[in-house]
Structures are given as structure tokens and as C-alpha cells.
N, C-alpha and C. Protein backbone atom coordinates (compact mmCIF):
# COMPACT_ATOMS: atom_id res chain seq x y z
N MET A 1 1.54 8.48 -0.25
CA MET A 1 1.55 7.44 0.88
C MET A 1 0.64 7.84 1.96
N ASP A 2 -0.25 7.10 2.40
CA ASP A 2 -0.72 7.65 3.67
C ASP A 2 -0.54 6.40 4.51
N LEU A 3 0.64 6.31 5.32
CA LEU A 3 1.18 5.33 6.17
C LEU A 3 0.06 4.89 7.48
N LYS A 4 -0.84 5.94 7.92
CA LYS A 4 -1.79 5.61 8.93
C LYS A 4 -2.98 4.67 8.23
N SER A 5 -3.17 5.14 7.32
CA SER A 5 -4.46 3.98 6.67
C SER A 5 -3.94 2.77 6.10
N ILE A 6 -2.51 2.92 5.81
CA ILE A 6 -2.11 1.42 5.26
C ILE A 6 -1.93 0.67 6.27
N PHE A 7 -1.16 1.07 7.45
CA PHE A 7 -0.94 -0.02 8.72
C PHE A 7 -2.45 -0.26 9.43
N THR A 8 -3.37 0.64 9.34
CA THR A 8 -4.67 0.03 9.80
C THR A 8 -5.59 -0.48 8.52
N SER A 9 -5.08 -0.65 7.64
CA SER A 9 -6.20 -1.45 6.81
C SER A 9 -6.08 -3.06 6.80
N GLU A 10 -6.87 -3.72 6.76
CA GLU A 10 -6.83 -5.09 6.72
C GLU A 10 -6.61 -5.67 5.36
N ASP A 11 -6.90 -4.96 4.28
CA ASP A 11 -6.73 -5.22 3.17
C ASP A 11 -5.59 -5.50 2.43
N ALA A 12 -5.10 -6.49 2.57
CA ALA A 12 -3.53 -7.01 1.84
C ALA A 12 -3.43 -6.31 0.73
N GLU A 13 -4.46 -6.54 -0.42
CA GLU A 13 -4.15 -5.98 -1.64
C GLU A 13 -3.95 -4.58 -1.72
N GLU A 14 -4.67 -3.95 -0.90
CA GLU A 14 -4.54 -2.36 -0.98
C GLU A 14 -3.12 -1.78 -0.28
N ILE A 15 -2.66 -2.49 0.60
CA ILE A 15 -1.63 -2.33 1.04
C ILE A 15 -0.17 -2.87 0.43
N ILE A 16 -0.45 -3.56 -0.58
CA ILE A 16 0.47 -3.99 -1.65
C ILE A 16 0.34 -2.94 -2.78
N ALA A 17 -0.69 -2.61 -2.88
CA ALA A 17 -0.83 -1.58 -3.81
C ALA A 17 0.02 -0.45 -3.65
N ALA A 18 -0.38 0.05 -2.27
CA ALA A 18 0.42 1.01 -1.71
C ALA A 18 1.77 1.26 -1.89
N CYS A 19 2.45 0.11 -1.56
CA CYS A 19 3.91 -0.16 -1.67
C CYS A 19 4.46 0.07 -3.03
N ILE A 20 3.64 -0.77 -4.10
CA ILE A 20 3.93 -0.86 -5.63
C ILE A 20 4.03 1.00 -5.69
N THR A 21 3.21 1.68 -5.44
CA THR A 21 2.56 2.91 -5.95
C THR A 21 4.08 3.65 -5.30
N GLY A 22 4.05 3.54 -4.43
CA GLY A 22 5.53 4.69 -3.37
C GLY A 22 6.81 3.68 -4.18
N GLU A 23 6.73 2.68 -4.29
CA GLU A 23 8.10 2.11 -5.06
C GLU A 23 8.34 2.84 -6.50
N LYS A 24 7.11 2.94 -7.06
CA LYS A 24 7.40 3.39 -8.54
C LYS A 24 7.72 5.15 -8.48
N ALA A 25 7.28 5.44 -7.41
CA ALA A 25 7.51 7.04 -7.26
C ALA A 25 9.11 7.19 -6.77
N ALA A 26 9.11 6.38 -5.94
CA ALA A 26 10.68 6.98 -5.76
C ALA A 26 11.71 6.21 -6.70
N ILE A 27 11.21 5.63 -7.38
CA ILE A 27 12.32 4.97 -8.84
C ILE A 27 12.16 6.52 -9.69
N LYS A 28 10.80 6.82 -9.84
CA LYS A 28 10.75 8.21 -10.92
C LYS A 28 12.07 9.03 -10.21
N ASP A 29 11.89 9.34 -9.23
CA ASP A 29 12.72 10.44 -8.30
C ASP A 29 13.96 10.45 -8.49
N TYR A 30 14.28 8.82 -8.35
CA TYR A 30 16.00 8.57 -8.39
C TYR A 30 16.47 8.66 -10.27
N GLU A 31 15.58 8.37 -11.33
CA GLU A 31 16.20 8.54 -12.38
C GLU A 31 16.15 9.90 -12.78
N GLU A 32 15.25 10.81 -11.91
CA GLU A 32 15.57 12.48 -12.23
C GLU A 32 16.91 13.00 -11.81
N VAL A 33 17.07 12.51 -10.80
CA VAL A 33 18.50 13.02 -9.75
C VAL A 33 19.69 12.16 -10.62
N LEU A 34 19.49 10.82 -11.21
CA LEU A 34 20.50 10.37 -11.73
C LEU A 34 21.25 10.95 -13.25
N GLU A 35 20.19 12.20 -13.82
CA GLU A 35 20.15 12.71 -14.88
C GLU A 35 21.07 13.95 -15.03
N ILE A 36 21.50 14.36 -13.53
CA ILE A 36 22.29 15.27 -13.11
C ILE A 36 23.70 14.96 -12.98
N THR A 37 24.65 15.89 -13.63
CA THR A 37 26.00 15.50 -13.64
C THR A 37 26.60 15.50 -12.19
N PHE A 38 27.34 14.56 -11.91
CA PHE A 38 27.90 14.73 -10.59
C PHE A 38 29.57 15.03 -10.74
N ALA A 39 30.14 15.50 -9.73
CA ALA A 39 31.60 16.06 -9.58
C ALA A 39 32.21 14.75 -9.05
N ASP A 40 31.54 14.11 -8.33
CA ASP A 40 31.80 12.70 -7.62
C ASP A 40 31.07 11.75 -7.83
N GLU A 41 31.98 10.47 -8.76
CA GLU A 41 31.41 9.56 -9.60
C GLU A 41 30.67 8.54 -8.44
N SER A 42 31.51 8.44 -7.11
CA SER A 42 30.94 7.74 -5.88
C SER A 42 29.90 7.87 -5.74
N LEU A 43 29.25 9.13 -5.67
CA LEU A 43 27.99 9.42 -5.35
C LEU A 43 27.01 8.95 -6.31
N ARG A 44 27.24 9.08 -7.30
CA ARG A 44 26.24 8.88 -8.43
C ARG A 44 26.03 7.22 -8.38
N GLU A 45 27.45 6.68 -8.25
CA GLU A 45 27.19 5.00 -8.12
C GLU A 45 26.27 4.94 -6.84
N LEU A 46 26.54 5.40 -5.94
CA LEU A 46 25.65 5.03 -4.70
C LEU A 46 24.28 5.09 -4.89
N ILE A 47 23.64 6.21 -5.33
CA ILE A 47 22.36 6.49 -5.60
C ILE A 47 21.95 5.44 -7.08
N LEU A 48 22.72 5.23 -7.74
CA LEU A 48 22.33 4.49 -8.35
C LEU A 48 22.15 2.98 -8.20
N LYS A 49 22.71 2.59 -7.00
CA LYS A 49 22.99 1.18 -6.09
C LYS A 49 21.53 1.29 -5.36
N GLN A 50 20.97 2.57 -4.88
CA GLN A 50 19.61 2.68 -3.90
C GLN A 50 18.59 2.05 -4.88
N LYS A 51 18.74 3.15 -5.99
CA LYS A 51 17.63 2.93 -6.66
C LYS A 51 17.72 1.67 -7.26
N ASN A 52 18.34 0.62 -7.57
CA ASN A 52 18.51 -0.56 -8.02
C ASN A 52 17.83 -1.30 -7.00
N GLY A 53 18.23 -0.91 -5.85
CA GLY A 53 17.55 -1.84 -4.50
C GLY A 53 16.41 -1.80 -4.40
N ILE A 54 15.78 -0.31 -4.92
CA ILE A 54 14.46 -0.23 -4.92
C ILE A 54 13.45 -0.88 -5.84
N GLU A 55 14.00 -1.10 -7.16
CA GLU A 55 13.53 -1.86 -8.42
C GLU A 55 13.64 -2.92 -7.83
N GLU A 56 14.41 -3.74 -7.37
CA GLU A 56 14.50 -5.17 -6.86
C GLU A 56 13.28 -5.70 -5.98
N ALA A 57 13.20 -4.46 -4.99
CA ALA A 57 12.15 -4.20 -4.05
C ALA A 57 10.70 -4.80 -4.83
N LEU A 58 10.75 -3.74 -5.45
CA LEU A 58 9.44 -3.52 -6.40
C LEU A 58 9.14 -5.22 -7.32
N THR A 59 9.98 -5.77 -8.01
CA THR A 59 10.14 -6.58 -8.56
C THR A 59 9.40 -8.05 -7.67
N THR A 60 10.34 -7.80 -6.33
CA THR A 60 9.62 -8.97 -5.17
C THR A 60 8.11 -8.84 -4.91
N ILE A 61 7.69 -7.43 -4.53
CA ILE A 61 6.49 -7.05 -4.36
C ILE A 61 5.27 -7.74 -5.19
N LYS A 62 5.64 -7.12 -6.83
CA LYS A 62 4.90 -7.60 -7.89
C LYS A 62 4.81 -9.27 -8.05
N ALA A 63 5.98 -9.83 -7.46
CA ALA A 63 6.42 -11.48 -7.84
C ALA A 63 5.55 -12.19 -6.86
N GLN A 64 5.36 -11.62 -5.42
CA GLN A 64 4.56 -11.98 -4.43
C GLN A 64 2.87 -11.85 -4.56
N LEU A 65 2.76 -10.58 -5.66
CA LEU A 65 1.24 -10.14 -5.52
C LEU A 65 0.88 -11.33 -6.42
N GLU A 66 1.81 -11.92 -7.63
CA GLU A 66 1.04 -12.93 -8.62
C GLU A 66 1.08 -14.24 -7.97
N LEU A 67 1.77 -14.64 -7.47
CA LEU A 67 1.91 -15.77 -6.31
C LEU A 67 0.07 -16.20 -5.99
N LYS A 68 -0.43 -15.21 -5.68
CA LYS A 68 -1.48 -15.30 -4.98
C LYS A 68 -2.86 -15.55 -5.83
């Protein structure tokens, strides 16, 4: 995701599309990390909580897009 072009763009749909792409990439990375066996279960729970937060943000972004 090219942040400079996102923030200088005046096209809201382009900004939203870039956000969706970034969130999907982050979720994929979190899923790969969660496949690892953790010695400390609390660390796995923290990573899962962060992934869930990103998924919620993605759902919100998509819902806002549908409202337009």
C-alpha cells in the first residue's frame, strides 16, 4: 500500500479499496502466524485478538462502502 498516493488522492473509492487490500493482507499474515505452535498461549490469544480487530475493521469498511 503506497501511503503517499493514498493520502494525496481525492478519490474516496481508491482510498477505501487500498484500505481493504491492506486489511486483507494483514489478516492473511496473522493467519499464517497463528498456524505456529506457541509455548505461551497468552501470546497466541493476543495475536488472535489483534487479527479479530482487523477483521472487524474490514467488515466496517465494507459496510461503509455499501452505504454509498
